[in-house]
N, C-alpha and C. Protein backbone atom coordinates (compact mmCIF):
# COMPACT_ATOMS: atom_id res chain seq x y z
N UNK A 1 -14.39 -23.69 16.93
CA UNK A 1 -15.35 -22.66 17.28
C UNK A 1 -14.68 -21.30 17.12
N UNK A 2 -15.39 -20.34 16.57
CA UNK A 2 -14.82 -19.03 16.37
C UNK A 2 -14.71 -18.29 17.68
N UNK A 3 -13.68 -17.48 17.79
CA UNK A 3 -13.43 -16.72 19.00
C UNK A 3 -14.30 -15.48 19.09
N UNK A 4 -14.53 -15.07 20.32
CA UNK A 4 -15.23 -13.82 20.60
C UNK A 4 -14.58 -12.67 19.82
N UNK A 5 -13.24 -12.64 19.81
CA UNK A 5 -12.53 -11.52 19.17
C UNK A 5 -12.88 -11.42 17.69
N UNK A 6 -12.98 -12.56 17.00
CA UNK A 6 -13.31 -12.54 15.57
C UNK A 6 -14.75 -12.10 15.34
N UNK A 7 -15.64 -12.57 16.19
CA UNK A 7 -17.05 -12.22 16.04
C UNK A 7 -17.26 -10.73 16.33
N UNK A 8 -16.59 -10.23 17.36
CA UNK A 8 -16.67 -8.80 17.69
C UNK A 8 -16.19 -7.96 16.51
N UNK A 9 -15.05 -8.33 15.96
CA UNK A 9 -14.49 -7.58 14.82
C UNK A 9 -15.42 -7.65 13.62
N UNK A 10 -16.00 -8.83 13.38
CA UNK A 10 -16.92 -9.00 12.26
C UNK A 10 -18.10 -8.03 12.38
N UNK A 11 -18.76 -8.02 13.54
CA UNK A 11 -19.94 -7.16 13.70
C UNK A 11 -19.56 -5.68 13.69
N UNK A 12 -18.41 -5.33 14.23
CA UNK A 12 -17.98 -3.92 14.19
C UNK A 12 -17.77 -3.48 12.74
N UNK A 13 -17.08 -4.30 11.96
CA UNK A 13 -16.85 -3.96 10.55
C UNK A 13 -18.15 -3.94 9.75
N UNK A 14 -19.03 -4.88 10.07
CA UNK A 14 -20.32 -4.95 9.39
C UNK A 14 -21.10 -3.64 9.57
N UNK A 15 -20.91 -3.00 10.71
CA UNK A 15 -21.58 -1.73 11.01
C UNK A 15 -20.74 -0.53 10.63
N UNK A 16 -19.65 -0.77 9.89
CA UNK A 16 -18.78 0.31 9.39
C UNK A 16 -18.30 1.24 10.51
N UNK A 17 -17.85 0.66 11.59
CA UNK A 17 -17.37 1.44 12.73
C UNK A 17 -15.88 1.19 12.94
N UNK A 18 -15.15 2.25 13.20
CA UNK A 18 -13.76 2.08 13.62
C UNK A 18 -13.78 1.63 15.08
N UNK A 19 -12.65 1.16 15.57
CA UNK A 19 -12.59 0.76 16.97
C UNK A 19 -12.92 1.95 17.88
N UNK A 20 -12.43 3.12 17.50
CA UNK A 20 -12.66 4.33 18.30
C UNK A 20 -14.14 4.70 18.33
N UNK A 21 -14.77 4.70 17.14
CA UNK A 21 -16.20 5.05 17.07
C UNK A 21 -17.04 4.07 17.89
N UNK A 22 -16.71 2.80 17.77
CA UNK A 22 -17.46 1.78 18.49
C UNK A 22 -17.29 1.96 20.00
N UNK A 23 -16.05 2.20 20.44
CA UNK A 23 -15.78 2.40 21.87
C UNK A 23 -16.56 3.60 22.41
N UNK A 24 -16.58 4.69 21.65
CA UNK A 24 -17.30 5.89 22.09
C UNK A 24 -18.79 5.60 22.24
N UNK A 25 -19.35 4.86 21.31
CA UNK A 25 -20.78 4.53 21.38
C UNK A 25 -21.11 3.63 22.58
N UNK A 26 -20.15 2.78 22.94
CA UNK A 26 -20.37 1.90 24.09
C UNK A 26 -20.03 2.57 25.42
N UNK A 27 -19.26 3.66 25.34
CA UNK A 27 -18.83 4.33 26.56
C UNK A 27 -17.66 3.64 27.24
N UNK A 28 -16.80 3.01 26.44
CA UNK A 28 -15.59 2.39 26.98
C UNK A 28 -14.38 2.91 26.21
N UNK A 29 -13.20 2.56 26.65
CA UNK A 29 -11.99 3.10 26.01
C UNK A 29 -11.70 2.38 24.69
N UNK A 30 -11.17 3.12 23.70
CA UNK A 30 -10.78 2.48 22.43
C UNK A 30 -9.74 1.37 22.64
N UNK A 31 -8.86 1.55 23.63
CA UNK A 31 -7.84 0.52 23.87
C UNK A 31 -8.47 -0.79 24.33
N UNK A 32 -9.61 -0.70 25.03
CA UNK A 32 -10.30 -1.93 25.46
C UNK A 32 -10.79 -2.71 24.25
N UNK A 33 -11.40 -2.00 23.28
CA UNK A 33 -11.87 -2.67 22.05
C UNK A 33 -10.70 -3.30 21.33
N UNK A 34 -9.60 -2.56 21.23
CA UNK A 34 -8.41 -3.07 20.56
C UNK A 34 -7.91 -4.36 21.23
N UNK A 35 -7.90 -4.36 22.56
CA UNK A 35 -7.44 -5.56 23.29
C UNK A 35 -8.42 -6.72 23.13
N UNK A 36 -9.72 -6.42 23.10
CA UNK A 36 -10.71 -7.49 22.89
C UNK A 36 -10.49 -8.15 21.53
N UNK A 37 -10.31 -7.32 20.50
CA UNK A 37 -10.16 -7.86 19.14
C UNK A 37 -8.82 -8.55 18.93
N UNK A 38 -7.83 -8.19 19.73
CA UNK A 38 -6.52 -8.85 19.62
C UNK A 38 -6.48 -10.12 20.48
N UNK A 39 -7.53 -10.35 21.25
CA UNK A 39 -7.57 -11.53 22.11
C UNK A 39 -6.71 -11.39 23.36
N UNK A 40 -6.33 -10.15 23.70
CA UNK A 40 -5.47 -9.91 24.86
C UNK A 40 -6.28 -9.75 26.15
N UNK A 41 -7.57 -9.52 25.99
CA UNK A 41 -8.42 -9.28 27.16
C UNK A 41 -9.86 -9.64 26.79
N UNK A 42 -10.62 -10.08 27.78
CA UNK A 42 -12.04 -10.37 27.56
C UNK A 42 -12.87 -9.38 28.36
N UNK A 43 -14.01 -8.97 27.82
CA UNK A 43 -14.85 -8.03 28.56
C UNK A 43 -15.56 -8.70 29.74
N UNK A 44 -15.95 -7.88 30.70
CA UNK A 44 -16.76 -8.43 31.79
C UNK A 44 -18.18 -8.65 31.27
N UNK A 45 -19.01 -9.30 32.08
CA UNK A 45 -20.36 -9.67 31.64
C UNK A 45 -21.18 -8.45 31.25
N UNK A 46 -21.08 -7.37 32.02
CA UNK A 46 -21.86 -6.16 31.74
C UNK A 46 -21.47 -5.57 30.37
N UNK A 47 -20.18 -5.56 30.07
CA UNK A 47 -19.72 -5.05 28.77
C UNK A 47 -20.16 -5.98 27.64
N UNK A 48 -20.10 -7.29 27.89
CA UNK A 48 -20.59 -8.24 26.88
C UNK A 48 -22.06 -7.96 26.56
N UNK A 49 -22.85 -7.73 27.59
CA UNK A 49 -24.27 -7.42 27.37
C UNK A 49 -24.45 -6.15 26.55
N UNK A 50 -23.64 -5.13 26.85
CA UNK A 50 -23.70 -3.87 26.08
C UNK A 50 -23.40 -4.12 24.61
N UNK A 51 -22.37 -4.92 24.36
CA UNK A 51 -21.96 -5.21 22.98
C UNK A 51 -23.07 -5.98 22.26
N UNK A 52 -23.59 -7.01 22.92
CA UNK A 52 -24.66 -7.82 22.31
C UNK A 52 -25.89 -6.96 22.03
N UNK A 53 -26.27 -6.11 22.97
CA UNK A 53 -27.42 -5.22 22.77
C UNK A 53 -27.17 -4.25 21.63
N UNK A 54 -25.96 -3.73 21.56
CA UNK A 54 -25.62 -2.77 20.51
C UNK A 54 -25.82 -3.39 19.12
N UNK A 55 -25.37 -4.64 18.96
CA UNK A 55 -25.47 -5.32 17.66
C UNK A 55 -26.78 -6.08 17.49
N UNK A 56 -27.64 -6.04 18.51
CA UNK A 56 -28.92 -6.73 18.47
C UNK A 56 -28.75 -8.24 18.25
N UNK A 57 -27.81 -8.82 18.99
CA UNK A 57 -27.57 -10.26 18.94
C UNK A 57 -27.59 -10.80 20.37
N UNK A 58 -27.72 -12.12 20.52
CA UNK A 58 -27.69 -12.67 21.87
C UNK A 58 -26.25 -12.97 22.28
N UNK A 59 -26.07 -13.21 23.57
CA UNK A 59 -24.73 -13.46 24.10
C UNK A 59 -24.10 -14.72 23.51
N UNK A 60 -24.91 -15.75 23.25
CA UNK A 60 -24.37 -16.97 22.67
C UNK A 60 -23.78 -16.72 21.28
N UNK A 61 -24.46 -15.89 20.49
CA UNK A 61 -23.93 -15.56 19.17
C UNK A 61 -22.62 -14.79 19.31
N UNK A 62 -22.60 -13.82 20.22
CA UNK A 62 -21.39 -13.03 20.45
C UNK A 62 -20.23 -13.91 20.89
N UNK A 63 -20.53 -14.92 21.67
CA UNK A 63 -19.49 -15.82 22.18
C UNK A 63 -19.17 -16.96 21.21
N UNK A 64 -19.89 -17.02 20.08
CA UNK A 64 -19.64 -18.07 19.09
C UNK A 64 -20.21 -19.41 19.48
N UNK A 65 -21.27 -19.39 20.28
CA UNK A 65 -21.84 -20.65 20.78
C UNK A 65 -23.17 -21.02 20.15
N UNK A 66 -23.72 -20.20 19.28
CA UNK A 66 -25.02 -20.54 18.71
C UNK A 66 -24.87 -20.98 17.28
N UNK A 67 -25.76 -21.87 16.84
CA UNK A 67 -25.80 -22.25 15.44
C UNK A 67 -26.40 -21.09 14.67
N UNK A 68 -25.68 -20.59 13.70
CA UNK A 68 -26.12 -19.39 13.01
C UNK A 68 -27.47 -19.57 12.33
N UNK A 69 -27.74 -20.74 11.80
CA UNK A 69 -29.00 -20.92 11.08
C UNK A 69 -30.17 -21.25 11.99
N UNK A 70 -29.90 -21.53 13.25
CA UNK A 70 -31.00 -21.83 14.15
C UNK A 70 -31.64 -20.57 14.70
N UNK A 71 -31.05 -19.42 14.42
CA UNK A 71 -31.67 -18.17 14.82
C UNK A 71 -32.47 -17.67 13.65
N UNK A 72 -33.54 -16.94 13.94
CA UNK A 72 -34.42 -16.54 12.85
C UNK A 72 -34.26 -15.07 12.50
N UNK A 73 -33.25 -14.40 13.04
CA UNK A 73 -33.13 -12.97 12.75
C UNK A 73 -32.44 -12.73 11.42
N UNK A 74 -32.57 -11.50 10.94
CA UNK A 74 -32.02 -11.16 9.63
C UNK A 74 -30.50 -11.18 9.64
N UNK A 75 -29.88 -10.97 10.80
CA UNK A 75 -28.42 -10.99 10.87
C UNK A 75 -27.89 -12.35 10.45
N UNK A 76 -28.55 -13.42 10.87
CA UNK A 76 -28.11 -14.76 10.49
C UNK A 76 -28.22 -14.97 8.99
N UNK A 77 -29.31 -14.46 8.41
CA UNK A 77 -29.47 -14.57 6.96
C UNK A 77 -28.39 -13.77 6.24
N UNK A 78 -28.11 -12.55 6.73
CA UNK A 78 -27.06 -11.73 6.13
C UNK A 78 -25.71 -12.43 6.22
N UNK A 79 -25.44 -13.03 7.37
CA UNK A 79 -24.17 -13.72 7.56
C UNK A 79 -24.05 -14.90 6.61
N UNK A 80 -25.14 -15.65 6.42
CA UNK A 80 -25.10 -16.78 5.50
C UNK A 80 -24.87 -16.28 4.07
N UNK A 81 -25.53 -15.20 3.69
CA UNK A 81 -25.35 -14.65 2.34
C UNK A 81 -23.91 -14.22 2.12
N UNK A 82 -23.35 -13.52 3.11
CA UNK A 82 -21.96 -13.08 2.98
C UNK A 82 -21.01 -14.27 2.95
N UNK A 83 -21.32 -15.28 3.75
CA UNK A 83 -20.50 -16.49 3.76
C UNK A 83 -20.52 -17.15 2.38
N UNK A 84 -21.70 -17.27 1.79
CA UNK A 84 -21.84 -17.91 0.48
C UNK A 84 -21.04 -17.15 -0.58
N UNK A 85 -21.16 -15.82 -0.58
CA UNK A 85 -20.40 -15.01 -1.54
C UNK A 85 -18.90 -15.19 -1.34
N UNK A 86 -18.47 -15.12 -0.08
CA UNK A 86 -17.04 -15.24 0.22
C UNK A 86 -16.53 -16.63 -0.14
N UNK A 87 -17.30 -17.66 0.16
CA UNK A 87 -16.87 -19.02 -0.16
C UNK A 87 -16.68 -19.18 -1.67
N UNK A 88 -17.62 -18.69 -2.46
CA UNK A 88 -17.50 -18.79 -3.91
C UNK A 88 -16.30 -18.00 -4.43
N UNK A 89 -16.04 -16.84 -3.83
CA UNK A 89 -14.87 -16.05 -4.22
C UNK A 89 -13.59 -16.84 -3.92
N UNK A 90 -13.52 -17.46 -2.76
CA UNK A 90 -12.33 -18.21 -2.37
C UNK A 90 -12.14 -19.45 -3.24
N UNK A 91 -13.23 -20.10 -3.62
CA UNK A 91 -13.14 -21.27 -4.51
C UNK A 91 -12.55 -20.84 -5.85
N UNK A 92 -13.04 -19.72 -6.39
CA UNK A 92 -12.51 -19.22 -7.66
C UNK A 92 -11.03 -18.88 -7.54
N UNK A 93 -10.66 -18.21 -6.47
CA UNK A 93 -9.26 -17.82 -6.28
C UNK A 93 -8.35 -19.03 -6.12
N UNK A 94 -8.88 -20.11 -5.56
CA UNK A 94 -8.06 -21.29 -5.31
C UNK A 94 -7.72 -22.04 -6.60
N UNK A 95 -8.50 -21.79 -7.65
CA UNK A 95 -8.34 -22.48 -8.94
C UNK A 95 -8.47 -24.00 -8.78
N UNK A 96 -9.26 -24.41 -7.80
CA UNK A 96 -9.56 -25.82 -7.60
C UNK A 96 -11.04 -26.03 -7.85
N UNK A 97 -11.42 -27.26 -8.14
CA UNK A 97 -12.84 -27.56 -8.30
C UNK A 97 -13.46 -27.72 -6.92
N UNK A 98 -14.78 -27.63 -6.89
CA UNK A 98 -15.48 -27.86 -5.63
C UNK A 98 -15.16 -29.25 -5.09
N UNK A 99 -15.11 -30.23 -5.99
CA UNK A 99 -14.83 -31.61 -5.58
C UNK A 99 -13.45 -31.72 -4.94
N UNK A 100 -12.45 -31.06 -5.52
CA UNK A 100 -11.10 -31.12 -4.95
C UNK A 100 -11.07 -30.55 -3.54
N UNK A 101 -11.75 -29.42 -3.35
CA UNK A 101 -11.77 -28.80 -2.03
C UNK A 101 -12.55 -29.68 -1.05
N UNK A 102 -13.68 -30.21 -1.51
CA UNK A 102 -14.47 -31.11 -0.65
C UNK A 102 -13.62 -32.30 -0.21
N UNK A 103 -12.87 -32.88 -1.14
CA UNK A 103 -11.99 -34.00 -0.79
C UNK A 103 -10.91 -33.56 0.21
N UNK A 104 -10.36 -32.36 0.00
CA UNK A 104 -9.31 -31.85 0.89
C UNK A 104 -9.79 -31.70 2.33
N UNK A 105 -11.05 -31.29 2.49
CA UNK A 105 -11.57 -31.07 3.85
C UNK A 105 -12.45 -32.23 4.33
N UNK A 106 -12.49 -33.30 3.53
CA UNK A 106 -13.18 -34.53 3.91
C UNK A 106 -14.69 -34.36 4.11
N UNK A 107 -15.34 -33.69 3.14
CA UNK A 107 -16.80 -33.64 3.10
C UNK A 107 -17.24 -34.09 1.72
N UNK A 108 -18.50 -34.45 1.59
CA UNK A 108 -18.97 -34.90 0.28
C UNK A 108 -19.07 -33.71 -0.68
N UNK A 109 -18.80 -33.93 -1.96
CA UNK A 109 -18.93 -32.85 -2.94
C UNK A 109 -20.34 -32.26 -2.96
N UNK A 110 -21.35 -33.10 -2.73
CA UNK A 110 -22.73 -32.61 -2.72
C UNK A 110 -22.95 -31.63 -1.57
N UNK A 111 -22.42 -31.96 -0.41
CA UNK A 111 -22.54 -31.07 0.75
C UNK A 111 -21.84 -29.75 0.47
N UNK A 112 -20.63 -29.83 -0.05
CA UNK A 112 -19.87 -28.61 -0.34
C UNK A 112 -20.63 -27.75 -1.34
N UNK A 113 -21.23 -28.38 -2.34
CA UNK A 113 -21.99 -27.64 -3.35
C UNK A 113 -23.19 -26.92 -2.73
N UNK A 114 -23.84 -27.54 -1.74
CA UNK A 114 -24.97 -26.85 -1.09
C UNK A 114 -24.50 -25.62 -0.34
N UNK A 115 -23.27 -25.64 0.18
CA UNK A 115 -22.73 -24.45 0.83
C UNK A 115 -22.46 -23.35 -0.20
N UNK A 116 -21.91 -23.75 -1.34
CA UNK A 116 -21.59 -22.77 -2.40
C UNK A 116 -22.85 -22.15 -2.99
N UNK A 117 -23.94 -22.89 -2.99
CA UNK A 117 -25.19 -22.37 -3.54
C UNK A 117 -26.01 -21.62 -2.49
N UNK A 118 -25.58 -21.65 -1.24
CA UNK A 118 -26.33 -20.98 -0.18
C UNK A 118 -27.55 -21.75 0.27
N UNK A 119 -27.64 -23.02 -0.11
CA UNK A 119 -28.78 -23.86 0.28
C UNK A 119 -28.64 -24.29 1.74
N UNK A 120 -27.42 -24.59 2.13
CA UNK A 120 -27.16 -25.03 3.50
C UNK A 120 -25.96 -24.27 4.05
N UNK A 121 -25.83 -24.30 5.36
CA UNK A 121 -24.72 -23.64 6.04
C UNK A 121 -23.97 -24.70 6.82
N UNK A 122 -22.64 -24.69 6.78
CA UNK A 122 -21.90 -25.74 7.46
C UNK A 122 -22.07 -25.70 8.98
N UNK A 123 -22.02 -26.90 9.59
CA UNK A 123 -21.98 -26.97 11.05
C UNK A 123 -20.69 -26.33 11.53
N UNK A 124 -20.62 -26.06 12.82
CA UNK A 124 -19.46 -25.35 13.37
C UNK A 124 -18.14 -26.07 13.09
N UNK A 125 -18.12 -27.40 13.21
CA UNK A 125 -16.87 -28.11 12.98
C UNK A 125 -16.44 -28.00 11.52
N UNK A 126 -17.40 -28.06 10.60
CA UNK A 126 -17.08 -27.94 9.18
C UNK A 126 -16.73 -26.49 8.83
N UNK A 127 -17.40 -25.56 9.49
CA UNK A 127 -17.10 -24.14 9.28
C UNK A 127 -15.65 -23.86 9.68
N UNK A 128 -15.23 -24.44 10.80
CA UNK A 128 -13.85 -24.24 11.24
C UNK A 128 -12.87 -24.86 10.25
N UNK A 129 -13.23 -26.01 9.66
CA UNK A 129 -12.37 -26.62 8.63
C UNK A 129 -12.19 -25.66 7.45
N UNK A 130 -13.30 -25.02 7.04
CA UNK A 130 -13.22 -24.06 5.94
C UNK A 130 -12.37 -22.85 6.32
N UNK A 131 -12.58 -22.33 7.54
CA UNK A 131 -11.78 -21.20 8.00
C UNK A 131 -10.30 -21.55 7.95
N UNK A 132 -9.96 -22.74 8.43
CA UNK A 132 -8.55 -23.17 8.44
C UNK A 132 -8.03 -23.39 7.03
N UNK A 133 -8.83 -24.02 6.18
CA UNK A 133 -8.40 -24.34 4.81
C UNK A 133 -8.11 -23.07 4.01
N UNK A 134 -9.02 -22.09 4.10
CA UNK A 134 -8.86 -20.86 3.32
C UNK A 134 -8.18 -19.74 4.11
N UNK A 135 -7.87 -20.01 5.38
CA UNK A 135 -7.22 -19.03 6.24
C UNK A 135 -8.03 -17.75 6.36
N UNK A 136 -9.29 -17.89 6.76
CA UNK A 136 -10.13 -16.72 7.02
C UNK A 136 -11.05 -17.01 8.18
N UNK A 137 -11.72 -15.97 8.68
CA UNK A 137 -12.61 -16.11 9.83
C UNK A 137 -13.83 -15.23 9.69
N UNK A 138 -14.64 -15.18 10.74
CA UNK A 138 -15.85 -14.36 10.71
C UNK A 138 -15.56 -12.92 10.31
N UNK A 139 -14.49 -12.35 10.86
CA UNK A 139 -14.21 -10.94 10.60
C UNK A 139 -13.94 -10.68 9.11
N UNK A 140 -13.43 -11.70 8.40
CA UNK A 140 -13.16 -11.53 6.97
C UNK A 140 -14.44 -11.47 6.14
N UNK A 141 -15.55 -11.97 6.69
CA UNK A 141 -16.80 -11.94 5.94
C UNK A 141 -17.28 -10.52 5.71
N UNK A 142 -16.89 -9.59 6.57
CA UNK A 142 -17.32 -8.21 6.42
C UNK A 142 -16.42 -7.43 5.47
N UNK A 143 -15.32 -8.03 5.05
CA UNK A 143 -14.43 -7.36 4.10
C UNK A 143 -15.14 -7.26 2.76
N UNK A 144 -15.01 -6.12 2.08
CA UNK A 144 -15.67 -6.01 0.78
C UNK A 144 -15.09 -7.00 -0.22
N UNK A 145 -15.97 -7.58 -1.00
CA UNK A 145 -15.53 -8.48 -2.06
C UNK A 145 -14.98 -7.67 -3.21
N UNK A 146 -14.04 -8.28 -3.94
CA UNK A 146 -13.50 -7.58 -5.10
C UNK A 146 -14.59 -7.46 -6.17
N UNK A 147 -14.67 -6.29 -6.77
CA UNK A 147 -15.62 -6.09 -7.86
C UNK A 147 -15.12 -6.84 -9.08
N UNK A 148 -15.97 -7.62 -9.74
CA UNK A 148 -15.52 -8.30 -10.95
C UNK A 148 -15.29 -7.30 -12.08
N UNK A 149 -14.33 -7.61 -12.95
CA UNK A 149 -14.07 -6.71 -14.07
C UNK A 149 -15.16 -6.87 -15.13
N UNK A 150 -15.19 -5.95 -16.08
CA UNK A 150 -16.27 -5.93 -17.08
C UNK A 150 -16.26 -7.19 -17.96
N UNK A 151 -15.08 -7.73 -18.24
CA UNK A 151 -14.98 -8.95 -19.04
C UNK A 151 -15.65 -10.12 -18.32
N UNK A 152 -15.36 -10.25 -17.02
CA UNK A 152 -15.97 -11.32 -16.22
C UNK A 152 -17.48 -11.17 -16.17
N UNK A 153 -17.94 -9.95 -15.99
CA UNK A 153 -19.38 -9.68 -15.95
C UNK A 153 -20.03 -10.06 -17.27
N UNK A 154 -19.39 -9.70 -18.39
CA UNK A 154 -19.94 -10.00 -19.71
C UNK A 154 -20.04 -11.51 -19.94
N UNK A 155 -19.00 -12.25 -19.53
CA UNK A 155 -19.02 -13.71 -19.69
C UNK A 155 -20.13 -14.31 -18.82
N UNK A 156 -20.21 -13.87 -17.58
CA UNK A 156 -21.23 -14.40 -16.67
C UNK A 156 -22.63 -14.12 -17.22
N UNK A 157 -22.83 -12.93 -17.75
CA UNK A 157 -24.14 -12.57 -18.31
C UNK A 157 -24.47 -13.45 -19.52
N UNK A 158 -23.48 -13.67 -20.39
CA UNK A 158 -23.68 -14.50 -21.58
C UNK A 158 -24.07 -15.92 -21.18
N UNK A 159 -23.36 -16.48 -20.21
CA UNK A 159 -23.67 -17.84 -19.74
C UNK A 159 -25.05 -17.89 -19.12
N UNK A 160 -25.35 -16.90 -18.28
CA UNK A 160 -26.63 -16.88 -17.55
C UNK A 160 -27.82 -16.75 -18.51
N UNK A 161 -27.66 -15.95 -19.56
CA UNK A 161 -28.78 -15.67 -20.47
C UNK A 161 -28.99 -16.75 -21.52
N UNK A 162 -28.04 -17.67 -21.68
CA UNK A 162 -28.16 -18.73 -22.67
C UNK A 162 -28.33 -20.07 -21.93
N UNK A 163 -29.54 -20.64 -21.95
CA UNK A 163 -29.78 -21.88 -21.20
C UNK A 163 -28.85 -23.03 -21.59
N UNK A 164 -28.50 -23.12 -22.88
CA UNK A 164 -27.61 -24.20 -23.31
C UNK A 164 -26.20 -24.01 -22.75
N UNK A 165 -25.71 -22.77 -22.79
CA UNK A 165 -24.39 -22.49 -22.22
C UNK A 165 -24.39 -22.72 -20.71
N UNK A 166 -25.48 -22.31 -20.06
CA UNK A 166 -25.58 -22.49 -18.62
C UNK A 166 -25.56 -23.98 -18.26
N UNK A 167 -26.30 -24.79 -19.02
CA UNK A 167 -26.31 -26.23 -18.77
C UNK A 167 -24.91 -26.83 -18.98
N UNK A 168 -24.23 -26.38 -20.04
CA UNK A 168 -22.88 -26.85 -20.31
C UNK A 168 -21.92 -26.44 -19.20
N UNK A 169 -22.06 -25.20 -18.75
CA UNK A 169 -21.21 -24.70 -17.66
C UNK A 169 -21.42 -25.52 -16.39
N UNK A 170 -22.69 -25.79 -16.05
CA UNK A 170 -23.00 -26.57 -14.84
C UNK A 170 -22.38 -27.97 -14.92
N UNK A 171 -22.42 -28.57 -16.12
CA UNK A 171 -21.83 -29.90 -16.29
C UNK A 171 -20.31 -29.85 -16.24
N UNK A 172 -19.73 -28.77 -16.75
CA UNK A 172 -18.28 -28.71 -16.90
C UNK A 172 -17.53 -28.17 -15.68
N UNK A 173 -18.22 -27.46 -14.79
CA UNK A 173 -17.48 -26.76 -13.73
C UNK A 173 -16.72 -27.67 -12.78
N UNK A 174 -17.16 -28.91 -12.63
CA UNK A 174 -16.43 -29.83 -11.75
C UNK A 174 -15.70 -30.93 -12.53
N UNK A 175 -15.60 -30.74 -13.85
CA UNK A 175 -14.93 -31.75 -14.68
C UNK A 175 -13.42 -31.68 -14.48
N UNK A 176 -12.76 -32.78 -14.76
CA UNK A 176 -11.30 -32.83 -14.65
C UNK A 176 -10.69 -32.01 -15.79
N UNK A 177 -9.43 -31.59 -15.64
CA UNK A 177 -8.77 -30.86 -16.73
C UNK A 177 -8.74 -31.65 -18.04
N UNK A 178 -8.57 -32.96 -17.92
CA UNK A 178 -8.54 -33.80 -19.13
C UNK A 178 -9.89 -33.80 -19.83
N UNK A 179 -10.97 -33.91 -19.05
CA UNK A 179 -12.31 -33.90 -19.62
C UNK A 179 -12.61 -32.55 -20.27
N UNK A 180 -12.16 -31.48 -19.65
CA UNK A 180 -12.37 -30.14 -20.23
C UNK A 180 -11.61 -29.99 -21.54
N UNK A 181 -10.39 -30.52 -21.59
CA UNK A 181 -9.61 -30.45 -22.83
C UNK A 181 -10.29 -31.24 -23.94
N UNK A 182 -10.80 -32.42 -23.60
CA UNK A 182 -11.52 -33.24 -24.58
C UNK A 182 -12.75 -32.49 -25.09
N UNK A 183 -13.48 -31.87 -24.19
CA UNK A 183 -14.67 -31.10 -24.56
C UNK A 183 -14.29 -29.94 -25.49
N UNK A 184 -13.20 -29.25 -25.17
CA UNK A 184 -12.74 -28.15 -26.04
C UNK A 184 -12.40 -28.68 -27.43
N UNK A 185 -11.71 -29.81 -27.49
CA UNK A 185 -11.34 -30.39 -28.78
C UNK A 185 -12.58 -30.76 -29.60
N UNK A 186 -13.55 -31.39 -28.95
CA UNK A 186 -14.79 -31.78 -29.64
C UNK A 186 -15.52 -30.54 -30.14
N UNK A 187 -15.63 -29.52 -29.30
CA UNK A 187 -16.32 -28.29 -29.72
C UNK A 187 -15.59 -27.59 -30.86
N UNK A 188 -14.26 -27.61 -30.82
CA UNK A 188 -13.48 -27.00 -31.91
C UNK A 188 -13.76 -27.71 -33.24
N UNK A 189 -13.78 -29.05 -33.21
CA UNK A 189 -14.07 -29.82 -34.42
C UNK A 189 -15.49 -29.52 -34.91
N UNK A 190 -16.45 -29.50 -34.00
CA UNK A 190 -17.84 -29.22 -34.39
C UNK A 190 -17.99 -27.81 -34.96
N UNK A 191 -17.29 -26.85 -34.38
CA UNK A 191 -17.35 -25.48 -34.90
C UNK A 191 -16.75 -25.39 -36.29
N UNK A 192 -15.60 -26.07 -36.50
CA UNK A 192 -14.99 -26.06 -37.83
C UNK A 192 -15.89 -26.76 -38.84
N UNK A 193 -16.50 -27.86 -38.42
CA UNK A 193 -17.40 -28.61 -39.30
C UNK A 193 -18.59 -27.75 -39.69
N UNK A 194 -19.10 -27.00 -38.73
CA UNK A 194 -20.24 -26.11 -38.99
C UNK A 194 -19.89 -25.02 -39.99
N UNK A 195 -18.62 -24.63 -40.00
CA UNK A 195 -18.17 -23.59 -40.95
C UNK A 195 -17.62 -24.21 -42.24
N UNK A 196 -17.64 -25.55 -42.31
CA UNK A 196 -17.16 -26.23 -43.52
C UNK A 196 -15.65 -26.31 -43.60
N UNK A 197 -14.94 -26.23 -42.47
CA UNK A 197 -13.48 -26.24 -42.47
C UNK A 197 -12.88 -27.51 -41.89
N UNK A 198 -13.59 -28.63 -41.98
CA UNK A 198 -13.08 -29.87 -41.40
C UNK A 198 -12.04 -30.47 -42.33
N UNK A 199 -10.91 -30.92 -41.74
CA UNK A 199 -9.84 -31.53 -42.54
C UNK A 199 -10.19 -32.95 -42.92
């Protein structure tokens, strides 16, 4: 289960507030916010209510006790969207297939794929597995994602706009390195044959 400190930091960053700005708006000391986020101190009930009201969330969400998708507010949808983007970024950075990661954290590849597509959101126990596996937490979801370079954007656009390439990409993205090499070899031969350069 995620800690209050991580959830507090996540919502503060999501609202683009420094610890000082947030403390001033709540009418408490900046050092109190710093201690809350460091896990050195917990707020009293009245302060918890102020924080929850400020972010327009309930106390269970602030305390990490509610299922994010069981709430119907836009914050939950925003959090799921940010989670999906961050998860896909981390999968790319890991240079592993979805299947490899799913096997590593002991979930089915189909389930993991639904998380990557934003179709489903992991239960708390699975969410914690992901946090531990990738070494991130709620507060990291508010961190800006790296902007893709122009080359990456051009490739993504080419794949997206060509249904045949998109279908090939979908089939190949979870293939083994050996299968990908075989596919490259076959395509190279077919391309040479198409140009009349077959040996």
